Protein backbone atom coordinates (compact mmCIF):
# COMPACT_ATOMS: atom_id res chain seq x y z
CA MET A 1 55.80 105.71 121.38
CA LEU A 2 55.32 105.68 117.84
CA PHE A 3 58.83 108.34 117.50
CA ALA A 4 60.66 106.08 119.68
CA ALA A 5 59.98 102.35 117.54
CA PHE A 6 60.68 104.97 114.51
CA VAL A 7 64.34 106.07 116.08
CA PHE A 8 65.03 102.13 117.52
CA CYS A 9 64.46 101.27 113.73
CA VAL A 10 66.74 103.76 112.17
CA LEU A 11 69.34 102.85 114.75
CA CYS A 12 69.28 98.73 114.55
CA SER A 13 69.45 99.13 110.25
CA ALA A 14 72.47 101.66 111.41
CA TYR A 15 73.47 98.72 113.32
CA PHE A 16 73.51 96.19 110.57
CA SER A 17 74.95 98.21 107.75
CA CYS A 18 77.90 99.01 110.16
CA ALA A 19 77.93 95.13 110.44
CA GLU A 20 77.58 94.10 106.85
CA SER A 21 80.28 96.89 105.89
CA ALA A 22 83.21 96.23 108.98
CA TYR A 23 82.86 92.17 107.87
CA ALA A 24 82.68 92.67 104.04
CA GLY A 25 86.06 94.30 104.20
CA LEU A 26 87.87 92.77 107.44
CA ASN A 27 91.72 91.65 106.98
CA LYS A 28 91.30 88.38 108.01
CA ILE A 29 95.31 88.16 108.45
CA ARG A 30 95.04 91.18 110.70
CA ILE A 31 92.39 89.63 113.20
CA LYS A 32 94.04 86.22 112.96
CA ASN A 33 97.07 87.46 113.90
CA LEU A 34 95.06 89.21 116.98
CA ALA A 35 93.48 85.80 117.85
CA ASP A 36 96.73 83.88 118.37
CA THR A 37 97.75 86.43 121.05
CA GLY A 38 94.48 85.87 123.18
CA ASP A 39 92.31 88.47 122.26
CA ARG A 40 88.96 87.00 122.56
CA ARG A 41 86.49 89.44 120.66
CA ALA A 42 89.25 88.45 117.81
CA GLN A 43 88.54 85.34 118.43
CA ARG A 44 84.72 86.10 118.00
CA THR A 45 85.29 88.10 114.95
CA ALA A 46 87.32 85.47 112.90
CA ALA A 47 84.87 82.95 114.38
CA ILE A 48 81.95 85.30 112.60
CA SER A 49 84.16 85.75 109.24
CA ASN A 50 84.87 82.04 109.19
CA ASN A 51 80.83 81.66 108.97
CA PHE A 52 79.93 85.03 106.73
CA ASP A 53 77.52 83.18 104.78
CA ARG A 54 75.49 83.05 108.21
CA ALA A 55 76.92 86.33 110.01
CA LEU A 56 75.52 88.07 106.11
CA THR A 57 72.15 86.00 106.31
CA THR A 58 71.25 87.21 110.07
CA ILE A 59 72.44 90.95 108.94
CA LEU A 60 70.40 90.62 105.69
CA ILE A 61 67.15 89.36 108.23
CA GLY A 62 67.45 92.28 110.51
CA THR A 63 67.94 94.98 107.54
CA ASN A 64 64.99 94.08 106.00
CA VAL A 65 63.08 93.75 109.14
CA MET A 66 64.24 97.41 110.66
CA HIS A 67 63.26 98.91 107.07
CA ILE A 68 59.53 97.49 106.74
CA GLY A 69 59.67 98.50 110.65
CA CYS A 70 60.65 102.07 109.34
CA SER A 71 58.29 102.35 106.91
CA SER A 72 55.58 100.82 108.67
CA ILE A 73 55.92 103.26 111.77
CA ALA A 74 56.43 106.26 109.44
CA THR A 75 53.19 105.32 107.24
CA LEU A 76 51.17 105.07 111.09
CA ILE A 77 52.61 108.91 112.18
CA ALA A 78 51.89 110.30 109.43
CA ALA A 79 48.00 108.95 108.90
CA ASN A 80 47.24 110.27 112.43
CA LEU A 81 49.18 113.18 112.13
CA TRP A 82 48.18 114.82 108.80
CA GLY A 83 45.99 112.25 107.33
CA ASP A 84 46.12 109.83 104.35
CA GLY A 85 47.75 112.42 102.01
CA ALA A 86 50.52 113.08 103.92
CA VAL A 87 51.84 109.22 103.43
CA VAL A 88 53.09 110.03 100.62
CA TYR A 89 55.41 112.55 101.65
CA ALA A 90 56.10 110.31 104.79
CA THR A 91 57.35 107.82 102.60
CA LEU A 92 59.67 110.19 100.68
CA VAL A 93 61.14 111.60 103.66
CA THR A 94 61.71 108.21 105.35
CA THR A 95 63.73 107.33 102.25
CA VAL A 96 65.92 109.83 102.73
CA ILE A 97 66.38 109.12 106.78
CA VAL A 98 67.46 105.52 106.07
CA PHE A 99 69.41 106.44 103.22
CA PHE A 100 71.89 108.48 105.05
CA ILE A 101 71.59 107.53 108.46
CA SER A 102 71.08 103.79 108.20
CA GLU A 103 73.08 102.85 104.91
CA MET A 104 75.37 105.95 103.73
CA ILE A 105 76.97 106.92 107.29
CA PRO A 106 77.15 103.79 108.76
CA LYS A 107 78.64 102.06 106.16
CA SER A 108 81.57 104.69 105.46
CA TYR A 109 82.58 104.70 108.75
CA ALA A 110 82.83 101.00 108.68
CA LYS A 111 84.21 100.53 105.70
CA SER A 112 87.27 103.01 106.67
CA ASN A 113 87.60 101.58 110.34
CA SER A 114 86.58 98.02 109.27
CA THR A 115 88.38 96.07 112.38
CA GLN A 116 87.72 98.09 115.21
CA VAL A 117 83.63 98.27 114.66
CA ALA A 118 84.11 94.32 113.31
CA LEU A 119 85.60 93.81 117.07
CA GLY A 120 83.12 96.32 118.83
CA LEU A 121 80.43 94.51 117.05
CA SER A 122 81.62 90.93 117.35
CA GLY A 123 79.50 90.17 120.97
CA SER A 124 76.77 91.28 119.61
CA LEU A 125 76.28 90.16 116.16
CA ARG A 126 77.36 86.28 117.65
CA ALA A 127 74.62 86.51 120.19
CA LEU A 128 72.04 87.42 117.13
CA MET A 129 73.20 84.62 114.95
CA LYS A 130 71.97 81.99 118.06
CA ILE A 131 68.79 83.98 118.52
CA LEU A 132 68.09 83.78 114.51
CA ALA A 133 69.61 80.61 113.42
CA PRO A 134 66.42 78.66 113.05
CA VAL A 135 65.10 81.39 110.81
CA THR A 136 68.98 81.63 109.25
CA PHE A 137 68.81 78.06 108.55
CA VAL A 138 65.70 77.85 106.58
CA PHE A 139 66.78 80.62 104.32
CA MET A 140 70.45 79.69 103.60
CA GLY A 141 68.89 76.06 102.72
CA VAL A 142 66.49 78.11 100.29
CA SER A 143 69.94 79.56 99.07
CA ARG A 144 71.99 76.51 98.74
CA LEU A 145 69.06 74.96 96.97
CA VAL A 146 68.63 77.99 94.40
CA THR A 147 72.71 78.24 93.61
CA ARG A 148 72.81 74.24 92.40
CA LEU A 149 70.59 75.17 89.74
CA PHE A 150 73.49 77.32 88.35
CA LYS A 151 77.14 76.52 87.59
CA ALA A 152 79.44 76.91 89.82
CA ASP A 153 82.52 79.20 89.37
CA ASP A 154 85.87 77.84 89.72
CA THR A 155 87.81 80.96 89.53
CA PRO A 156 90.35 81.32 92.71
CA THR A 157 89.21 83.73 94.93
CA VAL A 158 92.94 85.51 94.13
CA THR A 159 94.36 85.29 90.69
CA GLU A 160 98.60 85.47 90.73
CA GLU A 161 98.21 88.70 88.84
CA GLU A 162 96.07 90.05 91.58
CA LEU A 163 98.52 88.53 94.24
CA SER A 164 101.49 90.65 92.37
CA THR A 165 99.51 93.87 91.79
CA LEU A 166 98.62 93.77 95.47
CA ILE A 167 102.66 93.10 96.79
CA GLU A 168 103.11 96.40 94.77
CA THR A 169 100.25 98.12 95.91
CA VAL A 170 101.43 97.32 99.25
CA GLU A 171 105.09 98.33 98.64
CA GLU A 172 103.22 102.08 97.06
CA GLU A 173 101.30 102.53 100.34
CA GLY A 174 104.29 101.92 102.78
CA GLY A 175 103.56 98.28 103.58
CA MET A 176 106.82 97.30 102.80
CA SER A 177 110.39 97.97 102.06
CA GLU A 178 111.27 97.58 97.92
CA ASP A 179 113.65 94.95 99.01
CA GLN A 180 110.86 92.77 100.37
CA SER A 181 108.77 93.72 97.38
CA GLU A 182 111.38 92.53 94.97
CA LEU A 183 111.97 88.64 97.00
CA LEU A 184 107.83 88.18 97.17
CA GLN A 185 107.92 88.80 93.11
CA SER A 186 110.43 87.12 92.52
CA ALA A 187 109.29 84.19 95.13
CA MET A 188 105.92 84.07 92.62
CA GLU A 189 107.95 83.94 89.13
CA PHE A 190 110.80 81.76 90.76
CA PRO A 191 108.71 77.63 89.89
CA THR A 192 107.91 78.67 86.23
CA THR A 193 111.46 80.12 85.22
CA THR A 194 112.96 77.53 82.80
CA VAL A 195 116.73 76.43 83.24
CA ALA A 196 117.70 78.57 80.44
CA ASP A 197 116.81 81.63 81.90
CA VAL A 198 118.89 81.15 84.43
CA LEU A 199 121.76 78.31 83.36
CA THR A 200 125.39 79.14 83.69
CA ALA A 201 126.14 79.37 79.32
CA ARG A 202 128.63 76.90 77.53
CA GLU A 203 131.09 79.66 76.92
CA ASP A 204 131.52 80.52 80.36
CA ILE A 205 132.12 76.45 81.90
CA VAL A 206 135.55 75.49 83.32
CA ALA A 207 135.73 71.96 82.49
CA VAL A 208 138.25 69.49 83.20
CA PHE A 209 139.37 66.30 80.04
CA THR A 210 140.03 62.53 81.15
CA ASP A 211 143.24 63.27 78.73
CA MET A 212 144.78 65.90 80.85
CA THR A 213 147.60 65.24 83.47
CA PRO A 214 147.39 65.91 87.40
CA GLU A 215 149.26 68.68 87.47
CA GLU A 216 147.26 70.42 84.23
CA ILE A 217 143.86 69.37 86.67
CA LEU A 218 145.51 70.87 88.76
CA SER A 219 146.50 74.11 87.39
CA ARG A 220 142.47 74.37 86.28
CA ILE A 221 141.27 73.84 89.78
CA GLN A 222 143.53 76.71 91.21
CA GLU A 223 142.14 79.12 87.92
CA ALA A 224 138.36 78.09 88.32
CA LYS A 225 138.00 78.45 92.02
CA HIS A 226 134.98 75.75 91.73
CA SER A 227 133.97 73.45 94.30
CA ARG A 228 133.49 70.59 91.42
CA LEU A 229 134.43 70.80 87.75
CA PRO A 230 132.73 68.70 84.83
CA VAL A 231 134.52 65.98 83.79
CA CYS A 232 134.59 65.84 79.37
CA ASP A 233 136.01 63.12 77.28
CA GLY A 234 137.06 64.99 73.99
CA THR A 235 134.86 67.70 73.92
CA LEU A 236 132.04 69.58 76.47
CA ASP A 237 129.02 67.86 74.53
CA THR A 238 130.61 64.70 76.47
CA VAL A 239 130.32 65.28 80.21
CA VAL A 240 131.36 61.83 81.91
CA GLY A 241 131.13 63.10 85.57
CA MET A 242 131.28 66.06 88.10
CA LEU A 243 134.63 66.00 89.89
CA SER A 244 134.73 67.30 93.42
CA ILE A 245 137.91 69.69 93.88
CA ARG A 246 138.04 68.76 97.92
CA LYS A 247 137.95 65.07 97.35
CA TYR A 248 140.70 65.54 93.88
CA LEU A 249 142.92 67.55 96.32
CA LYS A 250 142.88 65.12 98.96
CA GLU A 251 144.02 61.95 97.30
CA TYR A 252 146.97 64.44 95.07
CA ILE A 253 148.46 65.61 98.63
CA ARG A 254 148.04 61.36 99.42
CA HIS A 255 149.46 59.81 96.14
CA GLY A 256 150.74 62.62 93.80
CA ALA A 257 148.48 61.15 90.50
CA PRO A 258 145.09 60.12 91.07
CA ASP A 259 142.73 58.64 88.29
CA VAL A 260 139.88 61.26 87.85
CA ARG A 261 137.59 58.44 86.51
CA ALA A 262 137.94 57.19 90.06
CA LEU A 263 137.29 60.04 91.90
CA MET A 264 134.52 61.68 89.73
CA ALA A 265 130.42 61.39 90.41
CA PRO A 266 128.16 60.46 87.87
CA PRO A 267 126.63 63.57 85.62
CA PHE A 268 123.03 64.80 86.55
CA PHE A 269 121.63 66.00 82.70
CA VAL A 270 118.79 67.84 82.48
CA SER A 271 116.83 69.95 80.10
CA PRO A 272 116.79 73.67 79.58
CA GLU A 273 112.88 73.76 78.75
CA GLU A 274 112.60 72.45 82.40
CA GLU A 275 111.24 74.69 85.14
CA ILE A 276 113.79 75.57 88.34
CA GLY A 277 111.19 74.64 90.97
CA ASP A 278 110.51 71.24 89.94
CA LEU A 279 114.57 70.92 89.64
CA PHE A 280 114.83 72.62 92.43
CA LYS A 281 112.95 69.66 94.87
CA ARG A 282 114.69 66.90 92.27
CA MET A 283 118.35 67.84 93.23
CA THR A 284 117.69 68.63 97.12
CA GLN A 285 116.13 65.58 97.47
CA ASN A 286 119.01 63.91 95.33
CA ARG A 287 121.41 65.89 97.60
CA LEU A 288 122.71 67.24 93.91
CA SER A 289 124.55 70.63 93.77
CA ILE A 290 125.18 70.94 90.13
CA ALA A 291 123.76 70.00 86.89
CA VAL A 292 124.59 69.58 83.23
CA VAL A 293 122.20 71.51 80.64
CA GLN A 294 121.68 69.66 77.83
CA ASP A 295 119.64 69.94 74.40
CA ASP A 296 117.62 67.42 72.57
CA ASP A 297 120.29 66.55 70.51
CA GLY A 298 122.83 66.09 73.90
CA ARG A 299 125.33 69.57 72.95
CA THR A 300 126.07 70.96 76.51
CA LEU A 301 124.10 74.06 77.04
CA GLY A 302 125.65 74.99 80.31
CA LEU A 303 125.91 74.14 84.06
CA ILE A 304 123.06 74.89 86.59
CA THR A 305 123.45 75.30 89.84
CA VAL A 306 121.41 75.41 93.56
CA GLU A 307 123.06 78.57 93.90
CA ASP A 308 121.54 79.91 90.43
CA PHE A 309 118.08 78.76 91.89
CA LEU A 310 119.32 81.22 95.18
CA GLU A 311 120.40 84.18 93.27
CA GLU A 312 117.01 83.86 90.96
CA LEU A 313 115.38 84.32 94.24
CA VAL A 314 117.42 87.33 96.34
CA GLY A 315 119.60 88.31 93.25
CA GLU A 316 123.30 87.72 93.03
CA ILE A 317 125.25 85.99 95.50
CA TRP A 318 129.13 87.22 95.89
CA ASP A 319 131.58 85.51 97.72
CA GLU A 320 135.25 85.94 98.48
CA ASP A 321 137.04 84.78 95.61
CA ASP A 322 134.09 86.85 93.12
CA VAL A 323 135.05 89.77 90.74
CA VAL A 324 132.34 91.88 91.63
CA ASP A 325 130.95 93.71 88.59
CA GLU A 326 128.83 96.54 89.76
CA SER A 327 127.92 97.63 86.39
CA PHE A 328 125.25 94.36 85.64
CA ILE A 329 124.50 93.07 88.91
CA LYS A 330 121.54 90.66 88.74
CA LEU A 331 118.67 91.16 91.15
CA GLY A 332 116.78 88.26 90.60
CA GLY A 333 113.20 87.37 89.34
CA SER A 334 114.43 88.35 85.84
CA ARG A 335 115.38 91.32 86.85
CA PHE A 336 118.95 93.38 86.41
CA ARG A 337 120.54 96.44 87.89
CA VAL A 338 122.54 98.13 84.68
CA SER A 339 125.19 101.30 84.50
CA GLY A 340 123.57 103.44 82.15
CA ALA A 341 127.38 103.53 81.09
CA LEU A 342 127.39 100.18 79.61
CA ARG A 343 126.06 99.76 75.71
CA VAL A 344 122.82 98.54 75.09
CA GLY A 345 123.71 95.71 73.32
CA GLU A 346 126.40 94.07 76.34
CA ALA A 347 123.29 94.66 78.58
CA PHE A 348 120.96 93.15 76.52
CA SER A 349 123.37 90.07 75.60
CA ARG A 350 124.08 89.45 79.12
CA MET A 351 120.37 89.72 80.40
CA GLY A 352 120.12 86.76 77.42
CA TYR A 353 117.33 89.48 75.56
CA GLU A 354 117.03 89.44 72.37
CA SER A 355 116.10 93.36 70.62
CA PRO A 356 113.71 93.70 68.18
CA ASP A 357 115.54 97.16 67.09
CA PRO A 358 119.58 96.12 65.87
CA THR A 359 120.29 99.91 65.50
CA ILE A 360 119.87 100.48 69.23
CA LEU A 361 122.66 97.80 70.06
CA GLN A 362 125.84 100.24 70.32
CA ARG A 363 124.31 103.42 71.94
CA PRO A 364 124.92 103.92 76.02
CA LEU A 365 122.12 102.32 78.14
CA GLY A 366 121.45 105.79 79.75
CA ALA A 367 121.38 107.58 76.39
CA TRP A 368 118.81 104.91 75.38
CA ALA A 369 116.74 105.13 78.33
CA LEU A 370 116.24 109.12 77.99
CA GLU A 371 114.84 108.32 74.25
CA VAL A 372 112.53 105.84 75.84
CA PHE A 373 111.44 108.21 78.78
CA GLY A 374 110.76 111.41 75.88
CA HIS A 375 111.78 113.23 79.29
CA VAL A 376 114.09 113.74 81.59
CA PRO A 377 113.18 111.22 83.88
CA GLU A 378 113.16 111.16 88.18
CA GLU A 379 114.27 108.76 90.61
CA ASP A 380 111.53 105.44 90.65
CA ASP A 381 110.12 106.48 87.09
CA GLU A 382 109.12 103.68 84.97
CA VAL A 383 108.35 103.48 81.20
CA ASP A 384 107.43 100.24 79.06
CA TRP A 385 109.31 99.12 75.87
CA HIS A 386 108.33 96.35 74.34
CA ASP A 387 109.16 92.93 76.91
CA LEU A 388 111.01 95.29 79.42
CA THR A 389 110.07 97.52 81.82
CA LEU A 390 113.22 100.61 82.47
CA THR A 391 113.34 101.79 86.39
CA VAL A 392 116.11 104.68 86.85
CA LYS A 393 117.81 104.44 90.50
CA GLN A 394 120.39 106.86 89.61
CA LEU A 395 120.18 110.41 87.93
CA ASP A 396 123.22 112.43 88.08
CA ASP A 397 122.46 115.92 86.43
CA GLY A 398 119.96 114.59 83.97
CA ARG A 399 121.75 111.74 82.76
CA VAL A 400 120.57 108.15 84.05
CA THR A 401 123.23 106.49 85.81
CA THR A 402 121.82 103.53 86.89
CA LEU A 403 118.63 101.34 85.20
CA ASP A 404 116.63 98.41 86.87
CA ILE A 405 115.78 96.29 83.70
CA LYS A 406 113.13 93.71 84.00
CA VAL A 407 111.82 91.01 81.09
CA CYS A 408 108.34 91.32 81.76
CA ASP A 409 108.54 88.03 79.01
CA PRO A 410 111.26 85.72 79.80
CA PRO A 411 113.29 84.98 76.32
CA GLU A 412 112.73 81.42 74.96
CA ALA A 413 115.66 78.57 75.74
CA ASP A 414 117.74 79.21 72.71
CA GLU A 415 117.96 82.71 73.28
CA ALA A 416 118.76 82.63 77.10
CA GLY A 417 121.84 80.57 76.45
CA GLY A 418 124.02 83.95 77.00
CA ASP A 419 122.30 84.08 80.46
CA GLU A 420 125.12 85.30 82.73
CA ALA A 421 124.78 83.33 86.61
């Protein structure tokens, strides 16, 4: 009888160890998805997981009761069979049995199969939680009382850095594609990216001026092939409006010489330090698609459009009028796909990145990358260089033909003026 009771306590202890490890390592998202399909076991498991403090208290009560039972019964068995002198040996044997059969093996198995174990134990564990509810209530009350004596930890459960690492881990384990990983990383970086990092630079602005003739404006429109153009009064630093090309062409067809001032909309000015996450909301609420970027002195630094925001997330967006430059493609999230044939200086300039080493600027990007690696790399090999992360995408006979470059710490606003959107 005592042997049967001992085995019962060992097996019950193993049950509680399985439950503890399974619910501690449970994938809550997977269980939620199963519960949403109507799986009753998953619904019970989700309910237990949402009340894990109560479940854990129940598990700990059961574990301790079973451990005490194992020790007491083993002592009685040893004393009855071999006398009081065998109690010490019985304690040692019991410790080994409990460690392996009740702790290590069940927890290892439950950790490797947490979803299946949690689903399988959900019914019995929920019943135990109801049976032991009065005892659990007392212990949880004591626990909360003691917790109040100490300062609560306000640290988030998952930080941004941890989430970024988690995304990279899921990609490495095959849980998502590289494109999906890059999109999620871009989405995380999107809110804190500044206007200066993604604007179309002053040098690339195509504008019309108030003193132009209708024919000159029409010629400028045909050259630019944009849907809107800034209207300037004398210089680029004096933007007085935004001209809708469609509206201007309609008026031109009807009347032949429309007044550009009568057709333009008021300009929308933004600061280069503004974060694009906030600006995107403002422009969407005001139904604006383009804004003028000016510094504190009123100097026009560039333009920014809603398309620039989307490109920061999903990479370069091409239309039928764009000339595709395969040697330099913006991927979004401060990442660029660059041909190894480009000069380092040209690539850095188009990225808006100021090199800490001016001696490398005239070198081919592929040859410079080989020096940074220090050996002939393989595809998808990575290396860090100052604020950059270089990833090899294509090789040809040991030559780096295509690189992905990520700017880990985006340059300051005054350094980003050359960013090509």
